[in-house]
Amino acid sequence: MQRSPDASMYGIVVSGQNWYTRFQRRHPHLDVALILTAAGLFVLLVCWLVYGPLEVSAAVSSFQGLDPGHRATGAPTFAVTLRARNRNVWRHCFRPGNGTAVVAYAGVPLARADLPGFCVPGLGAATLRFAAAGGGLGIPGALYESLEGQRGRRERVALTVRVRLDEDLVVPHNVVNWLDEDLVVPHNVVNWCDAMLDGHPPGGSSRCKAFLMGCHD
């Protein structure tokens, strides 16, 4: 009886497995590792989107009452413009009551303001204008002499604007129905901003330095 030739006689082996199947057999846990890696990267992305800090800057557009106490007719007052830019897709909201701003010269606080609540939309910006006022007439004589000395020498007078923001919500579209309010952990952010008495931006970066102060009850 004559035997018909088959593929094995010519050195050809037919297999039902392709290269990917063989690779999976050699590395049986690769799929699990890839899934865990993707999940970890997704969690990191979500955390970055939620907790990315705002880019805050402050400018003093006008002032009055910077006279020595014995000549002053009113308290030192500064018109401040606060700008916040949000690079996250989720918006940040800040509650009224605990938000404050303090304007200082040479480390000495001169004026203060309570900030209203406001929100910064995702991938957007917000501008807040307010007046900060001191609690007494004029400024101390030594500060007045230092300030007038700088202005007499045509030097730019640097101020510090310390802004405390009481964060309330950081959620998509401000919807929190799916999240228990007891689990929301707001925190305070203090921004140290450089500003100039002439209203122009300071040299270099005008972005404030942000410091996380922790949670509150």
Protein backbone atom coordinates (compact mmCIF):
# COMPACT_ATOMS: atom_id res chain seq x y z
CA MET A 1 0.00 0.00 0.00
CA GLN A 2 1.40 3.33 -1.02
CA ARG A 3 1.61 5.95 1.71
CA SER A 4 0.72 9.49 0.77
CA PRO A 5 3.27 12.12 1.68
CA ASP A 6 2.42 14.58 4.49
CA ALA A 7 3.83 17.91 5.58
CA SER A 8 6.15 16.36 8.20
CA MET A 9 8.10 14.53 5.50
CA TYR A 10 9.25 17.83 4.07
CA GLY A 11 10.25 19.43 7.39
CA ILE A 12 7.13 21.56 7.76
CA VAL A 13 5.38 21.60 11.12
CA VAL A 14 1.96 23.23 11.30
CA SER A 15 1.09 24.74 14.69
CA GLY A 16 -2.09 26.38 15.88
CA GLN A 17 -0.13 28.83 18.07
CA ASN A 18 1.10 32.20 16.85
CA TRP A 19 3.96 34.23 18.36
CA TYR A 20 1.68 36.10 20.77
CA THR A 21 0.23 32.88 22.17
CA ARG A 22 3.70 31.46 22.72
CA PHE A 23 4.79 34.73 24.36
CA GLN A 24 1.82 34.53 26.72
CA ARG A 25 2.67 30.97 27.68
CA ARG A 26 6.21 32.01 28.53
CA HIS A 27 4.96 35.04 30.53
CA PRO A 28 1.62 34.00 32.04
CA HIS A 29 1.36 36.98 34.42
CA LEU A 30 2.15 39.71 31.91
CA ASP A 31 -1.50 40.71 31.43
CA VAL A 32 -1.94 41.22 35.17
CA ALA A 33 1.20 43.34 35.36
CA LEU A 34 0.05 45.51 32.46
CA ILE A 35 -3.38 46.00 34.01
CA LEU A 36 -1.89 47.00 37.38
CA THR A 37 0.53 49.40 35.68
CA ALA A 38 -2.27 51.04 33.70
CA ALA A 39 -4.41 51.34 36.84
CA GLY A 40 -1.52 52.95 38.74
CA LEU A 41 -0.91 55.47 35.97
CA PHE A 42 -4.62 56.30 35.90
CA VAL A 43 -4.67 56.92 39.66
CA LEU A 44 -1.63 59.20 39.37
CA LEU A 45 -3.31 61.11 36.55
CA VAL A 46 -6.50 61.59 38.58
CA CYS A 47 -4.53 62.78 41.61
CA TRP A 48 -2.63 65.26 39.45
CA LEU A 49 -5.85 66.59 37.97
CA VAL A 50 -7.49 66.96 41.38
CA TYR A 51 -4.69 68.31 43.53
CA GLY A 52 -2.71 70.40 41.06
CA PRO A 53 -2.21 73.86 42.61
CA LEU A 54 -3.59 77.00 41.04
CA GLU A 55 -1.28 79.56 39.50
CA VAL A 56 -1.94 82.68 41.58
CA SER A 57 -0.59 86.21 41.09
CA ALA A 58 -1.38 89.51 42.83
CA ALA A 59 -0.95 93.15 41.85
CA VAL A 60 -1.48 96.42 43.73
CA SER A 61 -3.15 98.86 41.35
CA SER A 62 -3.51 101.87 43.68
CA PHE A 63 -2.98 102.98 47.28
CA GLN A 64 -3.64 105.79 49.73
CA GLY A 65 -2.95 106.70 53.35
CA LEU A 66 0.79 105.95 53.31
CA ASP A 67 1.61 108.95 55.51
CA PRO A 68 3.22 109.04 58.94
CA GLY A 69 0.76 108.66 61.78
CA HIS A 70 0.85 112.29 62.95
CA ARG A 71 -0.03 113.55 59.46
CA ALA A 72 -2.34 110.80 58.28
CA THR A 73 -6.01 111.42 57.68
CA GLY A 74 -6.95 107.82 57.00
CA ALA A 75 -5.83 104.21 57.19
CA PRO A 76 -3.43 102.77 54.60
CA THR A 77 -5.50 101.25 51.82
CA PHE A 78 -4.47 99.15 48.82
CA ALA A 79 -6.50 98.13 45.78
CA VAL A 80 -5.43 94.55 45.02
CA THR A 81 -6.15 92.40 41.98
CA LEU A 82 -5.83 88.66 42.52
CA ARG A 83 -5.67 86.37 39.48
CA ALA A 84 -5.96 82.58 39.67
CA ARG A 85 -5.36 80.27 36.72
CA ASN A 86 -6.47 76.65 36.80
CA ARG A 87 -4.68 74.16 34.55
CA ASN A 88 -6.77 71.23 35.86
CA VAL A 89 -9.96 69.95 34.25
CA TRP A 90 -11.74 70.09 37.62
CA ARG A 91 -12.67 73.43 39.10
CA HIS A 92 -11.51 74.72 42.46
CA CYS A 93 -13.91 76.50 44.82
CA PHE A 94 -13.04 78.51 47.93
CA ARG A 95 -15.47 79.25 50.72
CA PRO A 96 -16.00 82.70 52.23
CA GLY A 97 -15.19 83.53 55.83
CA ASN A 98 -11.68 82.15 56.28
CA GLY A 99 -10.05 83.58 53.16
CA THR A 100 -7.87 86.59 53.94
CA ALA A 101 -5.26 88.82 52.33
CA VAL A 102 -2.55 90.83 54.08
CA VAL A 103 -0.42 93.52 52.42
CA ALA A 104 2.98 94.10 54.02
CA TYR A 105 5.99 96.35 53.46
CA ALA A 106 9.44 95.33 54.77
CA GLY A 107 7.77 92.47 56.63
CA VAL A 108 5.35 94.76 58.52
CA PRO A 109 1.62 94.16 57.85
CA LEU A 110 -0.09 97.38 56.75
CA ALA A 111 -3.55 96.33 55.55
CA ARG A 112 -5.90 93.37 55.61
CA ALA A 113 -9.00 92.16 53.75
CA ASP A 114 -11.52 89.34 54.10
CA LEU A 115 -12.02 87.51 50.82
CA PRO A 116 -15.38 86.37 49.44
CA GLY A 117 -15.98 82.88 48.18
CA PHE A 118 -15.27 82.20 44.52
CA CYS A 119 -14.63 79.40 42.03
CA VAL A 120 -12.03 78.94 39.31
CA PRO A 121 -13.41 76.87 36.40
CA GLY A 122 -11.49 73.94 35.00
CA LEU A 123 -8.91 74.99 32.43
CA GLY A 124 -9.97 78.57 33.11
CA ALA A 125 -9.11 81.62 35.19
CA ALA A 126 -10.75 83.98 37.68
CA THR A 127 -10.00 87.55 38.73
CA LEU A 128 -10.82 88.89 42.19
CA ARG A 129 -10.53 92.59 43.03
CA PHE A 130 -10.68 93.83 46.61
CA ALA A 131 -9.51 96.63 48.91
CA ALA A 132 -7.22 95.91 51.85
CA ALA A 133 -7.27 98.48 54.66
CA GLY A 134 -5.25 99.04 57.82
CA GLY A 135 -6.60 99.31 61.34
CA GLY A 136 -5.14 102.71 62.23
CA LEU A 137 -4.09 106.05 60.81
CA GLY A 138 -1.04 106.09 58.55
CA ILE A 139 2.09 103.97 58.92
CA PRO A 140 4.98 104.01 61.43
CA GLY A 141 7.50 106.82 60.94
CA ALA A 142 10.44 104.49 60.26
CA LEU A 143 8.53 102.69 57.52
CA TYR A 144 7.46 105.99 55.99
CA GLU A 145 11.07 107.22 55.85
CA SER A 146 12.22 103.95 54.27
CA LEU A 147 9.42 103.99 51.70
CA GLU A 148 9.91 107.65 50.80
CA GLY A 149 13.67 107.08 50.56
CA GLN A 150 13.13 104.39 47.94
CA ARG A 151 10.69 106.54 46.00
CA GLY A 152 13.07 109.51 46.20
CA ARG A 153 15.83 107.38 44.69
CA ARG A 154 13.37 106.28 41.99
CA GLU A 155 13.52 102.71 43.22
CA ARG A 156 10.59 100.36 42.90
CA VAL A 157 8.88 99.73 46.23
CA ALA A 158 8.29 96.02 46.81
CA LEU A 159 5.29 94.77 48.75
CA THR A 160 4.27 91.32 49.92
CA VAL A 161 0.69 90.15 49.54
CA ARG A 162 -0.08 87.08 51.65
CA VAL A 163 -3.28 85.40 50.49
CA ARG A 164 -4.93 82.60 52.43
CA LEU A 165 -7.51 80.59 50.50
CA ASP A 166 -9.87 78.17 52.24
CA GLU A 167 -10.47 75.40 49.71
CA ASP A 168 -13.95 73.95 49.74
CA LEU A 169 -14.55 71.79 46.66
CA VAL A 170 -12.39 70.26 43.94
CA VAL A 171 -14.78 68.21 41.84
CA PRO A 172 -15.97 68.00 38.24
CA HIS A 173 -18.68 70.60 37.62
CA ASN A 174 -19.02 71.07 41.39
CA VAL A 175 -21.22 67.96 41.69
CA VAL A 176 -20.70 66.08 44.96
CA ASN A 177 -23.86 63.99 45.20
CA TRP A 178 -21.83 60.82 44.74
CA LEU A 179 -19.45 61.71 47.56
CA ASP A 180 -20.24 61.88 51.27
CA GLU A 181 -19.47 65.37 52.54
CA ASP A 182 -17.71 63.84 55.55
CA LEU A 183 -15.11 62.43 53.17
CA VAL A 184 -14.31 65.78 51.58
CA VAL A 185 -11.02 67.02 53.00
CA PRO A 186 -10.67 70.77 52.36
CA HIS A 187 -7.43 72.52 53.19
CA ASN A 188 -5.92 75.96 53.47
CA VAL A 189 -3.42 77.27 50.95
CA VAL A 190 -1.28 80.32 51.72
CA ASN A 191 0.13 82.17 48.71
CA TRP A 192 3.09 84.54 49.14
CA CYS A 193 3.00 87.08 46.33
CA ASP A 194 5.46 89.77 45.30
CA ALA A 195 3.85 93.03 44.19
CA MET A 196 5.01 96.55 43.45
CA LEU A 197 3.65 99.83 44.74
CA ASP A 198 3.67 101.26 41.21
CA GLY A 199 1.22 98.61 40.02
CA HIS A 200 3.58 97.04 37.48
CA PRO A 201 4.54 93.35 37.72
CA PRO A 202 7.74 92.55 39.63
CA GLY A 203 10.83 91.46 37.76
CA GLY A 204 10.99 87.75 36.92
CA SER A 205 8.05 85.46 37.62
CA SER A 206 4.93 87.08 39.10
CA ARG A 207 3.51 83.73 40.22
CA CYS A 208 2.92 83.42 43.95
CA LYS A 209 4.53 80.71 46.04
CA ALA A 210 1.92 78.33 47.44
CA PHE A 211 2.14 76.55 50.80
CA LEU A 212 -0.34 73.89 51.94
CA MET A 213 -1.30 74.54 55.56
CA GLY A 214 -3.24 71.33 56.21
CA CYS A 215 -6.80 70.36 56.96
CA HIS A 216 -9.33 72.01 59.24
CA ASP A 217 -12.53 70.99 60.94
